[in-house]
Protein backbone atom coordinates (compact mmCIF):
# COMPACT_ATOMS: atom_id res chain seq x y z
CA UNK A 1 29.17 -34.29 0.92
CA UNK A 2 28.00 -32.43 4.04
CA UNK A 3 30.29 -29.53 3.20
CA UNK A 4 28.88 -29.34 -0.35
CA UNK A 5 25.29 -29.37 0.93
CA UNK A 6 26.15 -26.64 3.38
CA UNK A 7 27.67 -24.48 0.58
CA UNK A 8 24.60 -25.04 -1.62
CA UNK A 9 22.25 -24.08 1.17
CA UNK A 10 24.24 -20.93 1.97
CA UNK A 11 24.66 -19.80 -1.60
CA UNK A 12 21.18 -20.56 -2.94
CA UNK A 13 19.38 -17.66 -1.18
CA UNK A 14 22.12 -15.28 -2.31
CA UNK A 15 21.88 -16.39 -5.95
CA UNK A 16 18.10 -15.96 -5.87
CA UNK A 17 18.49 -12.50 -4.29
CA UNK A 18 21.05 -11.57 -6.96
CA UNK A 19 18.53 -12.45 -9.67
CA UNK A 20 15.75 -10.40 -8.18
CA UNK A 21 14.50 -7.70 -10.51
CA UNK A 22 13.53 -4.24 -9.26
CA UNK A 23 10.24 -2.75 -10.39
CA UNK A 24 9.42 0.97 -9.71
CA UNK A 25 5.88 2.33 -9.43
CA UNK A 26 4.73 4.49 -12.37
CA UNK A 27 2.93 7.30 -10.64
CA UNK A 28 1.32 8.51 -13.85
CA UNK A 29 -0.56 5.25 -14.16
CA UNK A 30 -1.21 4.42 -10.50
CA UNK A 31 -3.43 5.70 -7.72
CA UNK A 32 -3.71 5.50 -3.92
CA UNK A 33 -7.35 5.93 -2.92
CA UNK A 34 -9.51 5.68 0.27
CA UNK A 35 -13.13 6.02 1.21
CA UNK A 36 -14.84 6.39 4.55
CA UNK A 37 -18.47 6.45 5.61
CA UNK A 38 -19.86 9.90 6.33
CA UNK A 39 -22.90 10.54 8.59
CA UNK A 40 -23.78 6.85 8.34
CA UNK A 41 -25.58 7.41 5.01
CA UNK A 42 -22.85 7.89 2.36
CA UNK A 43 -19.17 7.74 1.67
CA UNK A 44 -16.50 10.36 1.04
CA UNK A 45 -13.67 9.38 -1.35
CA UNK A 46 -10.14 10.72 -1.31
CA UNK A 47 -6.69 10.05 -2.68
CA UNK A 48 -3.00 10.77 -2.13
CA UNK A 49 -1.34 12.43 -5.12
CA UNK A 50 2.30 11.93 -4.08
CA UNK A 51 3.66 8.43 -3.43
CA UNK A 52 6.57 6.13 -4.33
CA UNK A 53 7.26 2.41 -4.25
CA UNK A 54 9.24 -0.45 -5.48
CA UNK A 55 8.86 -4.17 -5.79
CA UNK A 56 11.65 -6.75 -5.91
CA UNK A 57 11.04 -10.23 -7.22
CA UNK A 58 12.98 -13.06 -8.80
CA UNK A 59 9.98 -15.27 -9.75
CA UNK A 60 7.92 -14.34 -12.84
CA UNK A 61 4.63 -14.79 -10.94
CA UNK A 62 5.88 -12.30 -8.22
CA UNK A 63 5.13 -14.86 -5.44
CA UNK A 64 8.49 -13.95 -3.80
CA UNK A 65 7.98 -10.21 -4.08
CA UNK A 66 9.14 -7.77 -1.44
CA UNK A 67 7.37 -4.37 -1.54
CA UNK A 68 8.24 -1.02 -0.05
CA UNK A 69 5.85 1.91 -0.43
CA UNK A 70 5.62 5.41 0.95
CA UNK A 71 2.89 8.10 0.74
CA UNK A 72 3.28 11.85 1.24
CA UNK A 73 0.38 12.51 3.64
CA UNK A 74 0.30 16.23 2.81
CA UNK A 75 -0.81 15.28 -0.73
CA UNK A 76 -4.22 14.14 0.56
CA UNK A 77 -7.03 15.28 -1.74
CA UNK A 78 -10.77 14.87 -1.18
CA UNK A 79 -11.82 17.70 -3.46
CA UNK A 80 -12.50 19.98 -0.51
CA UNK A 81 -9.61 22.12 0.74
CA UNK A 82 -10.97 22.80 4.31
CA UNK A 83 -11.53 19.06 4.81
CA UNK A 84 -8.04 18.32 3.36
CA UNK A 85 -6.51 20.81 5.77
CA UNK A 86 -8.28 19.14 8.64
CA UNK A 87 -7.00 15.72 7.53
CA UNK A 88 -3.43 17.11 7.46
CA UNK A 89 -3.86 18.48 11.04
CA UNK A 90 -3.11 16.72 14.32
CA UNK A 91 -6.77 15.53 14.51
CA UNK A 92 -5.89 13.07 11.79
CA UNK A 93 -2.56 12.58 9.93
CA UNK A 94 -0.47 15.37 11.48
CA UNK A 95 1.47 15.87 8.26
CA UNK A 96 3.85 18.35 9.84
CA UNK A 97 5.22 15.86 12.41
CA UNK A 98 4.65 12.65 10.39
CA UNK A 99 5.07 13.54 6.69
CA UNK A 100 5.06 10.00 5.38
CA UNK A 101 2.98 6.82 5.66
CA UNK A 102 4.93 3.68 4.82
CA UNK A 103 4.29 0.03 4.04
CA UNK A 104 6.89 -2.76 4.07
CA UNK A 105 5.84 -6.24 3.06
CA UNK A 106 6.58 -9.35 5.02
CA UNK A 107 5.03 -11.89 2.63
CA UNK A 108 3.09 -12.20 -0.67
CA UNK A 109 1.19 -15.50 -0.79
CA UNK A 110 -0.38 -16.79 -4.00
CA UNK A 111 -3.99 -17.79 -3.26
CA UNK A 112 -5.05 -18.70 -6.81
CA UNK A 113 -4.19 -17.67 -10.32
CA UNK A 114 -3.78 -13.87 -10.28
CA UNK A 115 -4.89 -13.59 -6.63
CA UNK A 116 -2.53 -12.96 -3.70
CA UNK A 117 -2.62 -12.14 0.01
CA UNK A 118 -0.07 -9.41 0.84
CA UNK A 119 1.01 -8.98 4.48
CA UNK A 120 3.18 -6.28 5.87
CA UNK A 121 3.71 -3.44 8.34
CA UNK A 122 1.75 -0.24 7.74
CA UNK A 123 3.02 2.85 9.60
CA UNK A 124 0.80 5.93 10.00
CA UNK A 125 1.90 8.69 12.34
CA UNK A 126 4.01 6.86 14.98
CA UNK A 127 2.08 3.60 14.93
CA UNK A 128 3.01 0.44 13.02
CA UNK A 129 0.48 -2.36 12.65
CA UNK A 130 0.43 -5.59 10.57
CA UNK A 131 -2.17 -5.41 7.77
CA UNK A 132 -3.34 -7.73 4.99
CA UNK A 133 -4.20 -6.66 1.43
CA UNK A 134 -6.16 -8.71 -1.11
CA UNK A 135 -4.18 -8.36 -4.33
CA UNK A 136 -5.22 -8.98 -7.95
CA UNK A 137 -2.45 -9.31 -10.51
CA UNK A 138 -3.50 -7.86 -13.86
CA UNK A 139 -0.55 -9.29 -15.84
CA UNK A 140 2.67 -8.17 -17.39
CA UNK A 141 3.18 -6.49 -20.83
CA UNK A 142 5.80 -4.58 -22.79
CA UNK A 143 4.97 -0.97 -23.54
CA UNK A 144 5.77 1.02 -26.72
CA UNK A 145 9.30 1.74 -25.38
CA UNK A 146 9.93 -2.04 -24.85
CA UNK A 147 9.77 -1.68 -21.05
CA UNK A 148 8.12 -4.40 -19.04
CA UNK A 149 5.14 -3.30 -16.98
CA UNK A 150 3.12 -5.19 -14.32
CA UNK A 151 -0.27 -4.15 -12.95
CA UNK A 152 -1.78 -4.83 -9.55
CA UNK A 153 -4.85 -3.83 -7.58
CA UNK A 154 -4.80 -4.09 -3.77
CA UNK A 155 -7.36 -3.35 -1.08
CA UNK A 156 -7.80 -3.52 2.63
CA UNK A 157 -9.75 -1.96 5.55
CA UNK A 158 -8.09 -0.37 8.51
CA UNK A 159 -9.46 0.99 11.76
CA UNK A 160 -8.18 4.61 11.83
CA UNK A 161 -8.36 4.69 15.64
CA UNK A 162 -5.56 2.02 15.67
CA UNK A 163 -3.30 4.67 14.15
CA UNK A 164 -4.28 7.55 16.50
CA UNK A 165 -6.54 9.19 13.90
CA UNK A 166 -9.06 9.66 16.66
CA UNK A 167 -11.04 12.73 15.80
CA UNK A 168 -14.70 11.83 16.37
CA UNK A 169 -18.07 13.53 16.53
CA UNK A 170 -21.56 12.11 16.81
CA UNK A 171 -24.64 13.03 14.88
CA UNK A 172 -27.84 14.00 16.74
CA UNK A 173 -29.04 10.44 16.17
CA UNK A 174 -25.87 9.06 17.77
CA UNK A 175 -24.09 7.85 14.65
CA UNK A 176 -20.52 8.88 13.82
CA UNK A 177 -19.78 11.84 11.54
CA UNK A 178 -16.75 9.96 10.14
CA UNK A 179 -16.62 6.17 10.51
CA UNK A 180 -13.60 4.60 12.14
CA UNK A 181 -13.16 2.04 9.31
CA UNK A 182 -11.28 3.25 6.18
CA UNK A 183 -11.35 1.35 2.90
CA UNK A 184 -7.97 1.63 1.05
CA UNK A 185 -7.55 0.75 -2.63
CA UNK A 186 -4.33 0.95 -4.62
CA UNK A 187 -4.16 0.61 -8.39
CA UNK A 188 -0.48 0.24 -9.21
CA UNK A 189 1.53 -0.15 -12.39
CA UNK A 190 5.20 -1.01 -12.02
CA UNK A 191 8.00 -0.68 -14.60
CA UNK A 192 10.90 -3.11 -14.57
CA UNK A 193 14.21 -1.31 -14.11
């Protein structure tokens, strides 16, 4: 009996892993956006145009999902080329030395129906920190080509100083030109492979 229980315990995780489906992000129907306070009075929005990611899950509610995501930092776009060039420089992202940002999940916890807390490691430049995203699950549908799609929205705040994005100037009144806190919002649509 003990041997049988041992075999069941050893084999069960493998059988669950074998059943996990892979979902790839659909870049044409997804976005990676950020906003940051400027001069204490308004916000500047931006996005990254090039990114890739996948999700693996065996459960239909995605509560066991594992997520890997990368962003090409040179694809930053705020609608202002001089500002984008500055963001790609060593003052901020240093796209030449650190061309990718990455996120690898450690857990996805269901909080309530359609609401999750996603935890994982976010790497920007040469710094990796644990972050938490609030996630809304929009549902799953089949498209015109009979492919299954799942939609999610995730957001978090990070302190850019934690990732060595430390460029800083003060206004005459003493406020920061660019706030240290950055709001990140992802709207992601995945296609089951």
